[in-house]
C-alpha atoms as a PDB file:
ATOM      1  CA  MET A   1     154.606 135.325 100.769  1.00  0.00           C
ATOM      2  CA  LEU A   2     151.106 136.248  99.642  1.00  0.00           C
ATOM      3  CA  LYS A   3     148.599 133.438  99.317  1.00  0.00           C
ATOM      4  CA  LEU A   4     145.593 134.030  97.067  1.00  0.00           C
ATOM      5  CA  LEU A   5     142.164 132.692  97.878  1.00  0.00           C
ATOM      6  CA  GLY A   6     140.105 130.637  95.448  1.00  0.00           C
ATOM      7  CA  CYS A   7     141.104 128.188  92.722  1.00  0.00           C
ATOM      8  CA  ALA A   8     141.312 130.740  89.914  1.00  0.00           C
ATOM      9  CA  ALA A   9     143.360 133.092  92.011  1.00  0.00           C
ATOM     10  CA  PHE A  10     145.655 130.330  93.208  1.00  0.00           C
ATOM     11  CA  VAL A  11     146.978 129.861  89.682  1.00  0.00           C
ATOM     12  CA  CYS A  12     148.344 133.435  89.891  1.00  0.00           C
ATOM     13  CA  CYS A  13     149.931 133.095  93.310  1.00  0.00           C
ATOM     14  CA  PHE A  14     153.496 132.902  92.040  1.00  0.00           C
ATOM     15  CA  ALA A  15     153.070 136.097  90.039  1.00  0.00           C
ATOM     16  CA  LEU A  16     153.028 138.181  93.192  1.00  0.00           C
ATOM     17  CA  VAL A  17     156.572 137.222  94.081  1.00  0.00           C
ATOM     18  CA  THR A  18     157.971 137.596  90.600  1.00  0.00           C
ATOM     19  CA  GLN A  19     158.181 140.405  88.079  1.00  0.00           C
ATOM     20  CA  ALA A  20     157.064 138.603  84.946  1.00  0.00           C
ATOM     21  CA  GLN A  21     153.650 136.976  85.250  1.00  0.00           C
ATOM     22  CA  SER A  22     150.112 138.311  85.636  1.00  0.00           C
ATOM     23  CA  VAL A  23     147.502 138.450  88.368  1.00  0.00           C
ATOM     24  CA  SER A  24     143.773 138.908  88.052  1.00  0.00           C
ATOM     25  CA  SER A  25     142.389 142.327  88.938  1.00  0.00           C
ATOM     26  CA  THR A  26     141.842 143.079  92.631  1.00  0.00           C
ATOM     27  CA  PRO A  27     142.758 139.585  93.830  1.00  0.00           C
ATOM     28  CA  VAL A  28     141.988 138.685  97.437  1.00  0.00           C
ATOM     29  CA  GLY A  29     144.535 136.855  99.540  1.00  0.00           C
ATOM     30  CA  TYR A  30     146.309 136.468 102.829  1.00  0.00           C
ATOM     31  CA  VAL A  31     149.811 136.988 104.172  1.00  0.00           C
ATOM     32  CA  THR A  32     151.429 135.332 107.177  1.00  0.00           C
ATOM     33  CA  LEU A  33     153.418 137.760 109.340  1.00  0.00           C
ATOM     34  CA  THR A  34     155.642 137.098 112.351  1.00  0.00           C
ATOM     35  CA  ILE A  35     156.300 139.201 115.464  1.00  0.00           C
ATOM     36  CA  ASN A  36     159.617 138.443 117.127  1.00  0.00           C
ATOM     37  CA  GLY A  37     159.613 137.252 120.724  1.00  0.00           C
ATOM     38  CA  SER A  38     161.348 139.404 123.345  1.00  0.00           C
ATOM     39  CA  GLY A  39     162.219 142.116 120.881  1.00  0.00           C
ATOM     40  CA  TYR A  40     161.203 144.517 118.145  1.00  0.00           C
ATOM     41  CA  THR A  41     159.501 143.891 114.811  1.00  0.00           C
ATOM     42  CA  ALA A  42     158.820 146.442 112.066  1.00  0.00           C
ATOM     43  CA  LEU A  43     155.534 145.480 110.420  1.00  0.00           C
ATOM     44  CA  SER A  44     153.017 146.748 107.895  1.00  0.00           C
ATOM     45  CA  ASN A  45     149.785 145.582 106.346  1.00  0.00           C
ATOM     46  CA  PRO A  46     150.644 144.700 102.729  1.00  0.00           C
ATOM     47  CA  LEU A  47     146.962 144.135 101.901  1.00  0.00           C
ATOM     48  CA  GLU A  48     144.095 146.610 101.747  1.00  0.00           C
ATOM     49  CA  ASN A  49     140.361 146.844 102.281  1.00  0.00           C
ATOM     50  CA  ALA A  50     138.230 146.349  99.200  1.00  0.00           C
ATOM     51  CA  VAL A  51     137.406 149.284  96.933  1.00  0.00           C
ATOM     52  CA  VAL A  52     134.257 151.035  98.171  1.00  0.00           C
ATOM     53  CA  TYR A  53     133.605 153.039  94.982  1.00  0.00           C
ATOM     54  CA  SER A  54     135.356 153.383  91.647  1.00  0.00           C
ATOM     55  CA  GLY A  55     134.764 155.737  88.759  1.00  0.00           C
ATOM     56  CA  THR A  56     135.998 159.061  87.486  1.00  0.00           C
ATOM     57  CA  ALA A  57     136.198 162.655  88.618  1.00  0.00           C
ATOM     58  CA  SER A  58     133.466 164.449  86.698  1.00  0.00           C
ATOM     59  CA  SER A  59     134.852 167.793  87.821  1.00  0.00           C
ATOM     60  CA  VAL A  60     137.534 169.057  90.216  1.00  0.00           C
ATOM     61  CA  SER A  61     137.498 172.340  92.116  1.00  0.00           C
ATOM     62  CA  GLY A  62     139.995 172.898  94.908  1.00  0.00           C
ATOM     63  CA  SER A  63     139.494 170.075  97.389  1.00  0.00           C
ATOM     64  CA  ASP A  64     136.097 169.063  95.980  1.00  0.00           C
ATOM     65  CA  ILE A  65     135.526 166.329  93.421  1.00  0.00           C
ATOM     66  CA  THR A  66     132.217 165.661  91.719  1.00  0.00           C
ATOM     67  CA  THR A  67     132.111 161.938  91.025  1.00  0.00           C
ATOM     68  CA  SER A  68     130.677 159.739  88.311  1.00  0.00           C
ATOM     69  CA  PHE A  69     129.224 157.457  90.993  1.00  0.00           C
ATOM     70  CA  SER A  70     126.554 157.970  93.652  1.00  0.00           C
ATOM     71  CA  MET A  71     127.182 157.608  97.385  1.00  0.00           C
ATOM     72  CA  THR A  72     125.256 157.711 100.636  1.00  0.00           C
ATOM     73  CA  ASP A  73     125.460 161.184 102.127  1.00  0.00           C
ATOM     74  CA  SER A  74     128.230 161.539 104.785  1.00  0.00           C
ATOM     75  CA  GLU A  75     129.141 157.847 104.739  1.00  0.00           C
ATOM     76  CA  LEU A  76     132.829 158.651 104.142  1.00  0.00           C
ATOM     77  CA  SER A  77     133.150 161.362 106.796  1.00  0.00           C
ATOM     78  CA  ALA A  78     133.885 159.180 109.843  1.00  0.00           C
ATOM     79  CA  THR A  79     137.112 159.637 111.799  1.00  0.00           C
ATOM     80  CA  ASP A  80     139.186 157.342 113.973  1.00  0.00           C
ATOM     81  CA  ALA A  81     140.022 157.754 117.674  1.00  0.00           C
ATOM     82  CA  GLU A  82     142.822 160.206 116.770  1.00  0.00           C
ATOM     83  CA  GLY A  83     140.608 162.330 114.487  1.00  0.00           C
ATOM     84  CA  ASN A  84     142.017 160.946 111.231  1.00  0.00           C
ATOM     85  CA  SER A  85     139.782 160.319 108.229  1.00  0.00           C
ATOM     86  CA  SER A  86     138.516 156.778 107.816  1.00  0.00           C
ATOM     87  CA  HIS A  87     138.484 156.820 103.985  1.00  0.00           C
ATOM     88  CA  TYR A  88     140.716 157.995 101.158  1.00  0.00           C
ATOM     89  CA  ILE A  89     140.779 158.336  97.416  1.00  0.00           C
ATOM     90  CA  GLN A  90     143.487 156.869  95.232  1.00  0.00           C
ATOM     91  CA  THR A  91     144.244 157.829  91.655  1.00  0.00           C
ATOM     92  CA  SER A  92     145.698 155.706  88.879  1.00  0.00           C
ATOM     93  CA  SER A  93     149.086 157.348  89.507  1.00  0.00           C
ATOM     94  CA  GLY A  94     148.994 156.175  93.130  1.00  0.00           C
ATOM     95  CA  LEU A  95     148.176 159.529  94.750  1.00  0.00           C
ATOM     96  CA  ILE A  96     146.415 159.042  98.097  1.00  0.00           C
ATOM     97  CA  VAL A  97     144.347 161.837  99.696  1.00  0.00           C
ATOM     98  CA  GLU A  98     142.141 161.602 102.786  1.00  0.00           C
ATOM     99  CA  VAL A  99     138.380 162.164 102.473  1.00  0.00           C
ATOM    100  CA  THR A 100     136.867 164.604 104.965  1.00  0.00           C
ATOM    101  CA  ALA A 101     133.229 164.684 103.809  1.00  0.00           C
ATOM    102  CA  ASN A 102     130.891 163.579 101.053  1.00  0.00           C
ATOM    103  CA  SER A 103     127.461 164.174  99.594  1.00  0.00           C
ATOM    104  CA  THR A 104     125.598 161.827  97.292  1.00  0.00           C
ATOM    105  CA  SER A 105     127.602 163.032  94.293  1.00  0.00           C
ATOM    106  CA  ALA A 106     130.735 164.795  95.575  1.00  0.00           C
ATOM    107  CA  ILE A 107     133.751 164.197  97.802  1.00  0.00           C
ATOM    108  CA  THR A 108     135.652 166.762  99.863  1.00  0.00           C
ATOM    109  CA  LEU A 109     139.323 165.997 100.388  1.00  0.00           C
ATOM    110  CA  ALA A 110     141.854 167.080 103.012  1.00  0.00           C
ATOM    111  CA  SER A 111     143.821 169.208 100.520  1.00  0.00           C
ATOM    112  CA  ASP A 112     143.529 171.080  97.252  1.00  0.00           C
ATOM    113  CA  VAL A 113     143.974 168.591  94.398  1.00  0.00           C
ATOM    114  CA  SER A 114     143.069 170.841  91.468  1.00  0.00           C
ATOM    115  CA  SER A 115     146.641 170.675  90.164  1.00  0.00           C
ATOM    116  CA  LEU A 116     146.900 166.924  90.758  1.00  0.00           C
ATOM    117  CA  ILE A 117     143.590 165.482  89.546  1.00  0.00           C
ATOM    118  CA  SER A 118     141.834 166.406  86.302  1.00  0.00           C
ATOM    119  CA  ASP A 119     138.300 165.967  85.034  1.00  0.00           C
ATOM    120  CA  GLY A 120     137.888 162.404  83.808  1.00  0.00           C
ATOM    121  CA  ASP A 121     140.696 160.934  85.924  1.00  0.00           C
ATOM    122  CA  THR A 122     140.054 157.541  87.480  1.00  0.00           C
ATOM    123  CA  ILE A 123     139.567 157.569  91.253  1.00  0.00           C
ATOM    124  CA  LEU A 124     139.067 154.779  93.756  1.00  0.00           C
ATOM    125  CA  VAL A 125     137.511 155.208  97.188  1.00  0.00           C
ATOM    126  CA  LYS A 126     138.901 152.910  99.885  1.00  0.00           C
ATOM    127  CA  LYS A 127     138.662 152.537 103.648  1.00  0.00           C
ATOM    128  CA  PHE A 128     141.911 152.717 105.592  1.00  0.00           C
ATOM    129  CA  SER A 129     143.077 149.594 107.387  1.00  0.00           C
ATOM    130  CA  THR A 130     143.254 149.870 111.173  1.00  0.00           C
ATOM    131  CA  ILE A 131     145.208 148.448 114.091  1.00  0.00           C
ATOM    132  CA  ALA A 132     142.383 145.963 114.593  1.00  0.00           C
ATOM    133  CA  ASP A 133     142.441 144.917 110.936  1.00  0.00           C
ATOM    134  CA  LEU A 134     146.134 144.074 111.167  1.00  0.00           C
ATOM    135  CA  LEU A 135     146.541 142.820 114.741  1.00  0.00           C
ATOM    136  CA  SER A 136     142.964 141.574 115.431  1.00  0.00           C
ATOM    137  CA  SER A 137     140.185 143.360 117.276  1.00  0.00           C
ATOM    138  CA  ASP A 138     140.098 140.917 120.202  1.00  0.00           C
ATOM    139  CA  ASN A 139     143.800 140.026 120.439  1.00  0.00           C
ATOM    140  CA  SER A 140     143.174 136.638 118.930  1.00  0.00           C
ATOM    141  CA  ILE A 141     146.752 136.684 117.596  1.00  0.00           C
ATOM    142  CA  GLY A 142     148.033 136.424 121.173  1.00  0.00           C
ATOM    143  CA  LEU A 143     149.924 139.599 122.045  1.00  0.00           C
ATOM    144  CA  THR A 144     150.917 139.888 125.695  1.00  0.00           C
ATOM    145  CA  SER A 145     148.071 141.827 127.255  1.00  0.00           C
ATOM    146  CA  GLY A 146     148.106 143.373 130.725  1.00  0.00           C
ATOM    147  CA  ALA A 147     146.308 146.011 132.746  1.00  0.00           C
ATOM    148  CA  ASP A 148     148.448 148.841 131.350  1.00  0.00           C
ATOM    149  CA  LEU A 149     151.144 149.807 128.866  1.00  0.00           C
ATOM    150  CA  THR A 150     153.999 148.557 131.035  1.00  0.00           C
ATOM    151  CA  THR A 151     152.665 145.007 131.236  1.00  0.00           C
ATOM    152  CA  SER A 152     151.698 144.613 127.577  1.00  0.00           C
ATOM    153  CA  ASP A 153     153.285 144.348 124.173  1.00  0.00           C
ATOM    154  CA  VAL A 154     153.462 147.841 122.683  1.00  0.00           C
ATOM    155  CA  VAL A 155     152.655 149.082 119.174  1.00  0.00           C
ATOM    156  CA  TYR A 156     154.460 152.231 118.001  1.00  0.00           C
ATOM    157  CA  ILE A 157     153.102 154.417 115.180  1.00  0.00           C
ATOM    158  CA  MET A 158     155.282 157.311 114.039  1.00  0.00           C
ATOM    159  CA  SER A 159     153.894 160.771 113.365  1.00  0.00           C
ATOM    160  CA  ALA A 160     153.604 161.801 109.716  1.00  0.00           C
ATOM    161  CA  ASP A 161     155.200 165.232 110.159  1.00  0.00           C
ATOM    162  CA  GLY A 162     158.834 164.118 110.112  1.00  0.00           C
ATOM    163  CA  ALA A 163     159.386 164.800 113.827  1.00  0.00           C
ATOM    164  CA  GLY A 164     159.937 161.119 114.591  1.00  0.00           C
ATOM    165  CA  ALA A 165     157.499 161.124 117.523  1.00  0.00           C
ATOM    166  CA  TYR A 166     155.646 157.914 118.341  1.00  0.00           C
ATOM    167  CA  ALA A 167     152.107 157.273 119.529  1.00  0.00           C
ATOM    168  CA  THR A 168     151.927 154.102 121.633  1.00  0.00           C
ATOM    169  CA  TYR A 169     149.135 151.538 121.758  1.00  0.00           C
ATOM    170  CA  TYR A 170     148.528 148.222 123.503  1.00  0.00           C
ATOM    171  CA  TYR A 171     145.822 145.615 123.974  1.00  0.00           C
ATOM    172  CA  GLN A 172     144.481 145.917 127.516  1.00  0.00           C
ATOM    173  CA  THR A 173     143.075 143.108 129.625  1.00  0.00           C
ATOM    174  CA  ASP A 174     141.217 144.551 132.587  1.00  0.00           C
ATOM    175  CA  PRO A 175     141.708 142.244 135.618  1.00  0.00           C
ATOM    176  CA  PHE A 176     138.505 143.560 137.184  1.00  0.00           C
ATOM    177  CA  GLY A 177     136.116 143.140 134.283  1.00  0.00           C
ATOM    178  CA  GLY A 178     135.762 146.805 133.385  1.00  0.00           C
ATOM    179  CA  PHE A 179     136.727 148.676 136.537  1.00  0.00           C
ATOM    180  CA  PHE A 180     140.101 149.688 135.064  1.00  0.00           C
ATOM    181  CA  GLY A 181     138.804 150.589 131.612  1.00  0.00           C
ATOM    182  CA  GLY A 182     137.729 147.274 130.146  1.00  0.00           C
ATOM    183  CA  ASN A 183     139.345 145.080 127.525  1.00  0.00           C
ATOM    184  CA  GLY A 184     140.470 146.255 124.120  1.00  0.00           C
ATOM    185  CA  TRP A 185     142.902 148.417 122.199  1.00  0.00           C
ATOM    186  CA  ARG A 186     144.041 151.440 124.209  1.00  0.00           C
ATOM    187  CA  GLY A 187     146.438 154.356 123.806  1.00  0.00           C
ATOM    188  CA  ALA A 188     148.913 155.641 126.345  1.00  0.00           C
ATOM    189  CA  GLY A 189     146.630 158.560 127.240  1.00  0.00           C
ATOM    190  CA  SER A 190     143.495 156.669 128.302  1.00  0.00           C
ATOM    191  CA  ASN A 191     142.753 153.186 129.609  1.00  0.00           C
ATOM    192  CA  SER A 192     139.073 153.406 128.645  1.00  0.00           C
ATOM    193  CA  THR A 193     139.037 154.873 125.116  1.00  0.00           C
ATOM    194  CA  ASP A 194     138.744 152.289 122.343  1.00  0.00           C
ATOM    195  CA  VAL A 195     141.440 152.936 119.714  1.00  0.00           C
ATOM    196  CA  SER A 196     140.930 149.810 117.603  1.00  0.00           C
ATOM    197  CA  ASN A 197     139.938 152.004 114.635  1.00  0.00           C
ATOM    198  CA  VAL A 198     143.200 153.982 114.541  1.00  0.00           C
ATOM    199  CA  ILE A 199     144.082 154.034 110.854  1.00  0.00           C
ATOM    200  CA  LEU A 200     147.140 152.776 109.016  1.00  0.00           C
ATOM    201  CA  HIS A 201     147.896 154.278 105.629  1.00  0.00           C
ATOM    202  CA  PRO A 202     148.604 151.704 102.894  1.00  0.00           C
ATOM    203  CA  ASP A 203     152.314 152.472 103.131  1.00  0.00           C
ATOM    204  CA  ASP A 204     152.515 153.117 106.880  1.00  0.00           C
ATOM    205  CA  GLY A 205     154.683 150.956 109.090  1.00  0.00           C
ATOM    206  CA  ILE A 206     154.402 150.099 112.759  1.00  0.00           C
ATOM    207  CA  ILE A 207     156.905 148.775 115.286  1.00  0.00           C
ATOM    208  CA  VAL A 208     155.849 146.136 117.787  1.00  0.00           C
ATOM    209  CA  LYS A 209     157.805 145.654 121.008  1.00  0.00           C
ATOM    210  CA  ARG A 210     157.082 142.199 122.369  1.00  0.00           C
ATOM    211  CA  ILE A 211     157.926 141.695 126.049  1.00  0.00           C
ATOM    212  CA  SER A 212     157.329 137.945 126.125  1.00  0.00           C
ATOM    213  CA  ALA A 213     159.486 135.171 124.707  1.00  0.00           C
ATOM    214  CA  GLY A 214     158.166 133.279 121.726  1.00  0.00           C
ATOM    215  CA  ASP A 215     157.376 134.508 118.230  1.00  0.00           C
ATOM    216  CA  ILE A 216     153.806 135.155 117.132  1.00  0.00           C
ATOM    217  CA  SER A 217     152.779 134.225 113.597  1.00  0.00           C
ATOM    218  CA  PHE A 218     149.408 135.408 112.349  1.00  0.00           C
ATOM    219  CA  VAL A 219     147.478 135.890 109.136  1.00  0.00           C
ATOM    220  CA  THR A 220     146.181 139.135 107.656  1.00  0.00           C
ATOM    221  CA  THR A 221     143.720 139.126 104.763  1.00  0.00           C
ATOM    222  CA  GLY A 222     142.605 141.679 102.199  1.00  0.00           C
ATOM    223  CA  THR A 223     142.884 142.798  98.604  1.00  0.00           C
ATOM    224  CA  VAL A 224     146.042 143.409  96.610  1.00  0.00           C
ATOM    225  CA  ASN A 225     146.904 146.967  95.614  1.00  0.00           C
ATOM    226  CA  THR A 226     146.519 147.231  91.830  1.00  0.00           C
ATOM    227  CA  VAL A 227     147.541 150.889  91.520  1.00  0.00           C
ATOM    228  CA  ASN A 228     151.019 152.379  91.272  1.00  0.00           C
ATOM    229  CA  HIS A 229     152.436 153.796  94.487  1.00  0.00           C
ATOM    230  CA  SER A 230     153.104 157.466  95.203  1.00  0.00           C
ATOM    231  CA  ARG A 231     153.828 159.254  98.478  1.00  0.00           C
ATOM    232  CA  SER A 232     155.547 162.505  99.427  1.00  0.00           C
ATOM    233  CA  LEU A 233     157.720 162.225 102.535  1.00  0.00           C
ATOM    234  CA  PRO A 234     158.602 165.279 104.643  1.00  0.00           C
ATOM    235  CA  ALA A 235     161.992 166.296 105.911  1.00  0.00           C
ATOM    236  CA  GLY A 236     162.835 164.212 108.956  1.00  0.00           C
ATOM    237  CA  PHE A 237     161.735 160.706 109.869  1.00  0.00           C
ATOM    238  CA  SER A 238     159.016 158.543 108.309  1.00  0.00           C
ATOM    239  CA  LEU A 239     158.091 154.964 109.243  1.00  0.00           C
ATOM    240  CA  VAL A 240     156.943 153.529 105.944  1.00  0.00           C
ATOM    241  CA  ALA A 241     156.354 150.290 104.094  1.00  0.00           C
ATOM    242  CA  TYR A 242     156.515 148.982 100.550  1.00  0.00           C
ATOM    243  CA  PRO A 243     152.793 148.976  99.646  1.00  0.00           C
ATOM    244  CA  PHE A 244     152.709 145.748  97.662  1.00  0.00           C
ATOM    245  CA  PRO A 245     152.446 142.188  99.047  1.00  0.00           C
ATOM    246  CA  THR A 246     155.784 141.036  97.726  1.00  0.00           C
ATOM    247  CA  ASP A 247     159.421 141.309  98.706  1.00  0.00           C
ATOM    248  CA  THR A 248     161.454 144.100  97.162  1.00  0.00           C
ATOM    249  CA  THR A 249     165.068 145.267  97.395  1.00  0.00           C
ATOM    250  CA  LEU A 250     166.664 148.597  98.175  1.00  0.00           C
ATOM    251  CA  ALA A 251     167.491 148.996  94.483  1.00  0.00           C
ATOM    252  CA  ASP A 252     163.999 148.101  93.253  1.00  0.00           C
ATOM    253  CA  SER A 253     161.990 149.850  95.973  1.00  0.00           C
ATOM    254  CA  GLY A 254     161.897 153.261  94.295  1.00  0.00           C
ATOM    255  CA  ILE A 255     163.184 154.995  97.427  1.00  0.00           C
ATOM    256  CA  TYR A 256     166.081 156.454  95.432  1.00  0.00           C
ATOM    257  CA  SER A 257     166.006 157.959  91.969  1.00  0.00           C
ATOM    258  CA  ALA A 258     168.122 160.712  90.491  1.00  0.00           C
ATOM    259  CA  SER A 259     165.126 163.073  90.344  1.00  0.00           C
ATOM    260  CA  ASN A 260     162.764 162.219  93.233  1.00  0.00           C
ATOM    261  CA  GLY A 261     164.365 164.429  95.871  1.00  0.00           C
ATOM    262  CA  TYR A 262     166.399 161.726  97.603  1.00  0.00           C
ATOM    263  CA  VAL A 263     169.576 163.316  98.956  1.00  0.00           C
ATOM    264  CA  SER A 264     172.600 161.273  97.885  1.00  0.00           C
ATOM    265  CA  GLY A 265     176.048 162.265  99.106  1.00  0.00           C
ATOM    266  CA  ALA A 266     179.530 160.856  99.536  1.00  0.00           C
ATOM    267  CA  ASP A 267     178.716 159.209 102.872  1.00  0.00           C
ATOM    268  CA  VAL A 268     175.919 158.448 105.315  1.00  0.00           C
ATOM    269  CA  THR A 269     176.180 161.870 106.987  1.00  0.00           C
ATOM    270  CA  THR A 270     175.364 163.707 103.752  1.00  0.00           C
ATOM    271  CA  SER A 271     172.649 161.353 102.481  1.00  0.00           C
ATOM    272  CA  ASP A 272     169.120 160.297 103.264  1.00  0.00           C
ATOM    273  CA  VAL A 273     169.257 157.181 105.439  1.00  0.00           C
ATOM    274  CA  VAL A 274     167.192 153.980 105.573  1.00  0.00           C
ATOM    275  CA  TYR A 275     166.997 152.422 109.049  1.00  0.00           C
ATOM    276  CA  VAL A 276     166.193 148.722 109.451  1.00  0.00           C
ATOM    277  CA  ILE A 277     165.461 147.651 113.028  1.00  0.00           C
ATOM    278  CA  SER A 278     166.736 144.372 114.472  1.00  0.00           C
ATOM    279  CA  PRO A 279     164.896 142.277 117.090  1.00  0.00           C
ATOM    280  CA  ALA A 280     167.307 143.678 119.680  1.00  0.00           C
ATOM    281  CA  GLY A 281     166.200 147.227 118.863  1.00  0.00           C
ATOM    282  CA  ALA A 282     169.396 148.263 117.080  1.00  0.00           C
ATOM    283  CA  PHE A 283     169.341 149.749 113.585  1.00  0.00           C
ATOM    284  CA  ASP A 284     171.276 148.887 110.441  1.00  0.00           C
ATOM    285  CA  LEU A 285     171.801 152.012 108.328  1.00  0.00           C
ATOM    286  CA  TYR A 286     171.743 152.164 104.525  1.00  0.00           C
ATOM    287  CA  TYR A 287     172.089 155.046 102.080  1.00  0.00           C
ATOM    288  CA  TYR A 288     172.498 155.688  98.368  1.00  0.00           C
ATOM    289  CA  GLN A 289     176.040 156.939  97.801  1.00  0.00           C
ATOM    290  CA  THR A 290     177.148 159.320  95.059  1.00  0.00           C
ATOM    291  CA  ASP A 291     180.923 159.226  94.775  1.00  0.00           C
ATOM    292  CA  PRO A 292     182.184 162.715  93.829  1.00  0.00           C
ATOM    293  CA  PHE A 293     185.369 161.207  92.411  1.00  0.00           C
ATOM    294  CA  GLY A 294     183.890 158.579  90.119  1.00  0.00           C
ATOM    295  CA  GLY A 295     184.816 155.547  92.199  1.00  0.00           C
ATOM    296  CA  PHE A 296     187.698 156.694  94.359  1.00  0.00           C
ATOM    297  CA  PHE A 297     185.480 156.813  97.451  1.00  0.00           C
ATOM    298  CA  GLY A 298     183.638 153.567  96.756  1.00  0.00           C
ATOM    299  CA  GLY A 299     181.523 154.301  93.705  1.00  0.00           C
ATOM    300  CA  ASN A 300     177.815 154.979  93.331  1.00  0.00           C
ATOM    301  CA  GLY A 301     175.046 152.802  94.708  1.00  0.00           C
ATOM    302  CA  TRP A 302     173.376 151.518  97.854  1.00  0.00           C
ATOM    303  CA  ARG A 303     175.810 151.201 100.739  1.00  0.00           C
ATOM    304  CA  SER A 304     175.740 150.367 104.436  1.00  0.00           C
ATOM    305  CA  THR A 305     177.722 152.064 107.171  1.00  0.00           C
ATOM    306  CA  THR A 306     180.014 149.018 107.311  1.00  0.00           C
ATOM    307  CA  SER A 307     181.477 149.631 103.823  1.00  0.00           C
ATOM    308  CA  ASN A 308     181.390 152.433 101.279  1.00  0.00           C
ATOM    309  CA  SER A 309     182.337 150.105  98.416  1.00  0.00           C
ATOM    310  CA  VAL A 310     180.156 147.003  98.882  1.00  0.00           C
ATOM    311  CA  ASP A 311     176.891 147.226  96.954  1.00  0.00           C
ATOM    312  CA  VAL A 312     173.859 146.345  99.112  1.00  0.00           C
ATOM    313  CA  GLY A 313     171.180 147.193  96.561  1.00  0.00           C
ATOM    314  CA  THR A 314     170.060 143.562  96.517  1.00  0.00           C
ATOM    315  CA  ASN A 315     169.287 143.585 100.255  1.00  0.00           C
ATOM    316  CA  VAL A 316     165.684 142.472 100.645  1.00  0.00           C
ATOM    317  CA  ILE A 317     162.841 144.451 102.216  1.00  0.00           C
ATOM    318  CA  PRO A 318     160.415 141.619 103.083  1.00  0.00           C
ATOM    319  CA  ALA A 319     156.709 141.880 102.335  1.00  0.00           C
ATOM    320  CA  GLY A 320     154.819 143.016 105.410  1.00  0.00           C
ATOM    321  CA  SER A 321     157.843 144.721 106.988  1.00  0.00           C
ATOM    322  CA  SER A 322     158.593 148.430 107.377  1.00  0.00           C
ATOM    323  CA  ILE A 323     161.572 150.768 107.482  1.00  0.00           C
ATOM    324  CA  ILE A 324     162.401 154.251 108.713  1.00  0.00           C
ATOM    325  CA  ILE A 325     163.567 156.831 106.182  1.00  0.00           C
ATOM    326  CA  LYS A 326     165.403 159.930 107.376  1.00  0.00           C
ATOM    327  CA  HIS A 327     165.142 162.609 104.693  1.00  0.00           C
ATOM    328  CA  ILE A 328     167.470 165.591 105.032  1.00  0.00           C
ATOM    329  CA  GLY A 329     166.086 167.485 102.037  1.00  0.00           C
ATOM    330  CA  THR A 330     162.868 169.411 101.500  1.00  0.00           C
ATOM    331  CA  GLY A 331     160.691 166.619 100.163  1.00  0.00           C
ATOM    332  CA  LEU A 332     161.074 163.058  98.919  1.00  0.00           C
ATOM    333  CA  ALA A 333     158.637 161.827  96.265  1.00  0.00           C
ATOM    334  CA  TRP A 334     158.669 158.092  96.847  1.00  0.00           C
ATOM    335  CA  SER A 335     156.987 156.284  93.989  1.00  0.00           C
ATOM    336  CA  ASP A 336     157.144 152.868  92.414  1.00  0.00           C
ATOM    337  CA  ASP A 337     155.194 151.000  89.759  1.00  0.00           C
ATOM    338  CA  ILE A 338     153.277 147.843  90.527  1.00  0.00           C
ATOM    339  CA  PRO A 339     155.886 145.046  90.700  1.00  0.00           C
ATOM    340  CA  TYR A 340     153.609 142.552  88.946  1.00  0.00           C
ATOM    341  CA  SER A 341     151.580 142.614  85.736  1.00  0.00           C
ATOM    342  CA  LEU A 342     147.798 142.934  85.779  1.00  0.00           C
END
């Protein structure tokens, strides 16, 4: 559950786990997350970094946006250890696009947005969260840390191209004070390259494999997303998270709608599939079923592979968790409105 900081914000705490009450704009809070001992945990960061700039798009041309606000030249052009942009823009509809460069009055984005953003549209500039933001820069949360990947807890981040490939990261403790690459966040390819700034999109998930017994509970802090969510998922596999700091359900998550590209068939083999990982590393599979015979094969709705007639739409996706979606179509437009009033 999200906890809000400050007396005024505390009054609104309950609103973030309900659908009916209000929260103040851009509230700041914290969420307690848990990593399972001796097993797997699918996590996400349900909170964000504060807005860097906000205003409107004065004009839009291709991938370039002239802004209503002034910036420091090139301050948004940094990249992480994998070459990914450190900042992004977000529109009022929830569209997220990476920033590749900026001048004092204009932003260059990673793709052409001329058909997506219009002159006068509201835009927010934010900095992506990182591995260090979520799991601590100095391993203060207490992950098992060894001299290499095999002796440490491992963090898996899935590629965004649908291929289902994972990059692997771990927190390294050098037993010789720097001779083997020093202490800090490392990737599988180098024991000396700092990867603490590897970015996590607001709706990206990670999987943590913990090799030691004993759960780890830790606190992440940040601001609450106050913009509707929108993301296009490719064909194949995506490790994603509900981008709001509150529980949701399969039915309320927005993963399925009749018009968003979700493939819904008569069984799990002909439908897009949601995978939920267990601590043991096994997956429970869920899908939205469309019964071609109006109920004869179990009816319409969210189902699991254990029954084609039992509705599982009320199954909870906890805040701060993540899931894998396998999309067998040509594009899934996952979108959902803010689940609380502002």
